[in-house]
C-alpha cells in the first residue's frame, strides 16, 4: 500500500488539527535529527534523546518546532510536557 501525505490545507476539518499532520505540513519529517535529538522514525510527535542530548538541547528543538509551525502555518503548538528548570535562549 502506497502512503500519501494529506495536503495541510485539506485536513483541518475540526477545531484542533492533528498535530502530527501539522508537523509534517511545516516541513518536519519522521527521523529528522538535530545532533543527539531526533524525531521518532514512525511517530513524528515523539522527540528522542539518542544518547547524550542535554535538556537544553531538547528544549531548543521543541522551541524550533513551535516557532517554525507558527511562522509557516500560523498555528500555535503547546508542548504537553512541562519543562522544569531554567533554560537559556540560544
N, C-alpha and C. Protein backbone atom coordinates (compact mmCIF):
# COMPACT_ATOMS: atom_id res chain seq x y z
N UNK A 1 0.84 -1.18 0.00
CA UNK A 1 0.00 0.00 0.00
C UNK A 1 0.89 1.24 0.00
N UNK A 2 0.65 2.12 -0.95
CA UNK A 2 1.45 3.34 -1.05
C UNK A 2 0.91 4.40 -0.10
N UNK A 3 1.81 5.04 0.66
CA UNK A 3 1.41 6.09 1.59
C UNK A 3 1.34 7.42 0.86
N UNK A 4 0.37 8.24 1.23
CA UNK A 4 0.24 9.57 0.67
C UNK A 4 0.13 10.58 1.80
N UNK A 5 0.75 11.72 1.61
CA UNK A 5 0.61 12.80 2.58
C UNK A 5 -0.64 13.60 2.22
N UNK A 6 -1.38 13.98 3.23
CA UNK A 6 -2.56 14.80 3.03
C UNK A 6 -2.12 16.26 3.00
N UNK A 7 -2.51 17.02 1.95
CA UNK A 7 -2.14 18.44 1.95
C UNK A 7 -2.68 19.13 3.19
N UNK A 8 -1.85 19.98 3.81
CA UNK A 8 -2.24 20.54 5.10
C UNK A 8 -3.49 21.39 5.02
N UNK A 9 -3.77 22.00 3.88
CA UNK A 9 -4.95 22.86 3.80
C UNK A 9 -6.26 22.10 3.65
N UNK A 10 -6.20 20.77 3.52
CA UNK A 10 -7.43 19.98 3.39
C UNK A 10 -7.70 19.10 4.61
N UNK A 11 -6.86 19.15 5.61
CA UNK A 11 -7.02 18.24 6.74
C UNK A 11 -7.49 18.93 8.02
N UNK A 12 -7.87 20.20 7.95
CA UNK A 12 -8.30 20.92 9.14
C UNK A 12 -9.81 21.02 9.19
N UNK A 13 -10.50 19.89 9.30
CA UNK A 13 -11.95 19.93 9.35
C UNK A 13 -12.48 19.92 10.78
N UNK A 14 -11.62 20.06 11.75
CA UNK A 14 -12.03 20.17 13.15
C UNK A 14 -11.36 21.40 13.75
N UNK A 15 -11.77 21.80 14.93
CA UNK A 15 -11.16 22.96 15.56
C UNK A 15 -9.68 22.74 15.86
N UNK A 16 -9.32 21.54 16.28
CA UNK A 16 -7.92 21.24 16.61
C UNK A 16 -7.35 20.29 15.55
N UNK A 17 -6.43 20.77 14.73
CA UNK A 17 -5.84 19.91 13.71
C UNK A 17 -4.96 18.83 14.34
N UNK A 18 -4.75 17.77 13.61
CA UNK A 18 -3.88 16.68 14.03
C UNK A 18 -2.45 17.20 14.10
N UNK A 19 -1.85 17.14 15.29
CA UNK A 19 -0.51 17.71 15.50
C UNK A 19 0.54 17.04 14.62
N UNK A 20 0.44 15.75 14.39
CA UNK A 20 1.42 15.07 13.54
C UNK A 20 1.34 15.61 12.12
N UNK A 21 0.13 15.81 11.60
CA UNK A 21 -0.01 16.38 10.25
C UNK A 21 0.51 17.81 10.20
N UNK A 22 0.33 18.53 11.28
CA UNK A 22 0.83 19.91 11.34
C UNK A 22 2.36 19.91 11.21
N UNK A 23 3.04 19.05 11.96
CA UNK A 23 4.50 18.99 11.88
C UNK A 23 4.97 18.62 10.48
N UNK A 24 4.30 17.64 9.88
CA UNK A 24 4.67 17.22 8.53
C UNK A 24 4.42 18.35 7.53
N UNK A 25 3.30 19.04 7.66
CA UNK A 25 2.98 20.14 6.75
C UNK A 25 3.97 21.30 6.90
N UNK A 26 4.53 21.46 8.09
CA UNK A 26 5.51 22.53 8.33
C UNK A 26 6.90 22.16 7.81
N UNK A 27 7.06 20.93 7.33
CA UNK A 27 8.33 20.54 6.74
C UNK A 27 9.20 19.63 7.57
N UNK A 28 8.72 19.24 8.75
CA UNK A 28 9.48 18.29 9.57
C UNK A 28 9.22 16.88 9.06
N UNK A 29 10.13 15.96 9.35
CA UNK A 29 9.96 14.60 8.86
C UNK A 29 10.29 13.58 9.94
N UNK A 30 9.68 12.43 9.79
CA UNK A 30 9.98 11.33 10.71
C UNK A 30 11.47 11.01 10.62
N UNK A 31 12.11 10.83 11.77
CA UNK A 31 13.53 10.51 11.80
C UNK A 31 14.46 11.71 11.68
N UNK A 32 13.91 12.91 11.52
CA UNK A 32 14.75 14.11 11.41
C UNK A 32 15.52 14.29 12.71
N UNK A 33 16.77 14.71 12.59
CA UNK A 33 17.58 14.83 13.80
C UNK A 33 18.33 16.15 13.86
N UNK A 34 18.61 16.53 15.08
CA UNK A 34 19.42 17.69 15.42
C UNK A 34 20.47 17.17 16.37
N UNK A 35 21.56 16.67 15.89
CA UNK A 35 22.57 16.06 16.75
C UNK A 35 21.99 14.86 17.47
N UNK A 36 22.00 14.91 18.80
CA UNK A 36 21.52 13.78 19.60
C UNK A 36 20.01 13.84 19.88
N UNK A 37 19.31 14.82 19.30
CA UNK A 37 17.86 14.93 19.46
C UNK A 37 17.23 14.55 18.12
N UNK A 38 16.19 13.72 18.19
CA UNK A 38 15.63 13.17 16.96
C UNK A 38 14.13 13.00 17.08
N UNK A 39 13.42 13.21 15.96
CA UNK A 39 12.01 12.84 15.89
C UNK A 39 11.95 11.34 15.60
N UNK A 40 11.07 10.64 16.26
CA UNK A 40 10.95 9.19 16.12
C UNK A 40 10.74 8.82 14.65
N UNK A 41 11.26 7.66 14.25
CA UNK A 41 11.16 7.20 12.87
C UNK A 41 9.71 6.93 12.42
N UNK A 42 8.84 6.56 13.34
CA UNK A 42 7.45 6.25 12.98
C UNK A 42 6.45 7.24 13.56
N UNK A 43 6.76 7.83 14.69
CA UNK A 43 5.82 8.72 15.39
C UNK A 43 6.45 10.11 15.49
N UNK A 44 6.12 10.98 14.55
CA UNK A 44 6.77 12.28 14.43
C UNK A 44 6.60 13.15 15.68
N UNK A 45 5.61 12.87 16.52
CA UNK A 45 5.41 13.67 17.73
C UNK A 45 6.31 13.25 18.88
N UNK A 46 7.00 12.14 18.75
CA UNK A 46 7.89 11.68 19.82
C UNK A 46 9.29 12.24 19.58
N UNK A 47 9.79 12.96 20.56
CA UNK A 47 11.14 13.51 20.49
C UNK A 47 12.04 12.60 21.31
N UNK A 48 13.11 12.14 20.70
CA UNK A 48 14.01 11.18 21.35
C UNK A 48 15.37 11.81 21.66
N UNK A 49 15.92 11.36 22.78
CA UNK A 49 17.32 11.63 23.11
C UNK A 49 18.07 10.38 22.68
N UNK A 50 18.90 10.50 21.66
CA UNK A 50 19.58 9.32 21.13
C UNK A 50 20.82 8.93 21.92
N UNK A 51 21.08 9.61 23.02
CA UNK A 51 22.21 9.21 23.83
C UNK A 51 22.72 10.27 24.79
N UNK A 52 23.15 11.38 24.25
CA UNK A 52 23.80 12.34 25.15
C UNK A 52 23.28 13.77 24.98
N UNK A 53 22.05 13.93 24.56
CA UNK A 53 21.47 15.27 24.43
C UNK A 53 21.19 15.84 25.82
N UNK A 54 21.40 17.13 25.97
CA UNK A 54 21.09 17.79 27.23
C UNK A 54 19.63 18.23 27.22
N UNK A 55 19.10 18.55 28.38
CA UNK A 55 17.74 19.07 28.47
C UNK A 55 17.63 20.36 27.67
N UNK A 56 18.67 21.18 27.68
CA UNK A 56 18.67 22.43 26.91
C UNK A 56 18.55 22.14 25.42
N UNK A 57 19.25 21.13 24.92
CA UNK A 57 19.18 20.79 23.50
C UNK A 57 17.78 20.32 23.11
N UNK A 58 17.16 19.53 23.96
CA UNK A 58 15.79 19.07 23.69
C UNK A 58 14.84 20.26 23.71
N UNK A 59 14.98 21.12 24.69
CA UNK A 59 14.17 22.33 24.79
C UNK A 59 14.32 23.19 23.54
N UNK A 60 15.54 23.35 23.05
CA UNK A 60 15.80 24.15 21.85
C UNK A 60 15.10 23.57 20.62
N UNK A 61 15.09 22.25 20.50
CA UNK A 61 14.41 21.61 19.37
C UNK A 61 12.90 21.85 19.47
N UNK A 62 12.35 21.72 20.66
CA UNK A 62 10.92 21.99 20.85
C UNK A 62 10.60 23.43 20.46
N UNK A 63 11.43 24.36 20.89
CA UNK A 63 11.21 25.78 20.53
C UNK A 63 11.30 25.98 19.02
N UNK A 64 12.24 25.31 18.37
CA UNK A 64 12.37 25.43 16.91
C UNK A 64 11.11 24.89 16.21
N UNK A 65 10.61 23.76 16.68
CA UNK A 65 9.41 23.18 16.08
C UNK A 65 8.22 24.13 16.25
N UNK A 66 8.01 24.61 17.47
CA UNK A 66 6.88 25.51 17.74
C UNK A 66 7.00 26.78 16.90
N UNK A 67 8.19 27.35 16.84
CA UNK A 67 8.41 28.58 16.08
C UNK A 67 8.19 28.38 14.58
N UNK A 68 8.70 27.29 14.05
CA UNK A 68 8.56 27.01 12.62
C UNK A 68 7.10 26.79 12.25
N UNK A 69 6.38 26.01 13.05
CA UNK A 69 4.96 25.76 12.78
C UNK A 69 4.19 27.08 12.81
N UNK A 70 4.49 27.90 13.80
CA UNK A 70 3.77 29.17 13.92
C UNK A 70 4.06 30.09 12.72
N UNK A 71 5.31 30.17 12.30
CA UNK A 71 5.66 31.07 11.20
C UNK A 71 5.16 30.55 9.85
N UNK A 72 5.20 29.24 9.64
CA UNK A 72 4.78 28.69 8.35
C UNK A 72 3.27 28.50 8.23
N UNK A 73 2.61 28.11 9.33
CA UNK A 73 1.20 27.74 9.25
C UNK A 73 0.28 28.59 10.11
N UNK A 74 0.85 29.50 10.87
CA UNK A 74 0.08 30.34 11.79
C UNK A 74 -0.73 29.49 12.79
N UNK A 75 -0.11 28.43 13.24
CA UNK A 75 -0.71 27.54 14.25
C UNK A 75 0.22 27.52 15.45
N UNK A 76 -0.32 27.78 16.64
CA UNK A 76 0.50 27.77 17.84
C UNK A 76 0.39 26.40 18.52
N UNK A 77 1.52 25.73 18.67
CA UNK A 77 1.57 24.45 19.37
C UNK A 77 2.03 24.67 20.80
N UNK A 78 1.53 23.85 21.70
CA UNK A 78 1.99 23.87 23.08
C UNK A 78 2.48 22.47 23.44
N UNK A 79 3.64 22.41 24.07
CA UNK A 79 4.18 21.11 24.48
C UNK A 79 3.31 20.50 25.57
N UNK A 80 3.10 19.20 25.49
CA UNK A 80 2.33 18.51 26.53
C UNK A 80 3.14 18.35 27.80
N UNK A 81 4.46 18.27 27.64
CA UNK A 81 5.32 18.10 28.81
C UNK A 81 5.57 19.45 29.45
N UNK A 82 5.89 19.43 30.71
CA UNK A 82 6.27 20.64 31.42
C UNK A 82 7.78 20.61 31.62
N UNK A 83 8.44 21.66 31.17
CA UNK A 83 9.88 21.76 31.36
C UNK A 83 10.15 22.34 32.73
N UNK A 84 10.98 21.65 33.50
CA UNK A 84 11.29 22.07 34.86
C UNK A 84 12.74 22.57 34.87
N UNK A 85 12.94 23.73 35.42
CA UNK A 85 14.29 24.29 35.47
C UNK A 85 14.35 25.57 34.66
N UNK A 86 15.55 26.07 34.51
CA UNK A 86 15.76 27.29 33.75
C UNK A 86 16.48 26.95 32.46
N UNK A 87 15.97 27.50 31.37
CA UNK A 87 16.55 27.23 30.07
C UNK A 87 16.91 28.55 29.41
N UNK A 88 18.10 28.59 28.84
CA UNK A 88 18.54 29.78 28.15
C UNK A 88 18.00 29.82 26.73
N UNK A 89 18.04 30.98 26.16
CA UNK A 89 17.63 31.15 24.77
C UNK A 89 18.89 31.10 23.94
N UNK A 90 18.92 30.13 23.03
CA UNK A 90 20.15 30.01 22.21
C UNK A 90 19.89 30.36 20.78
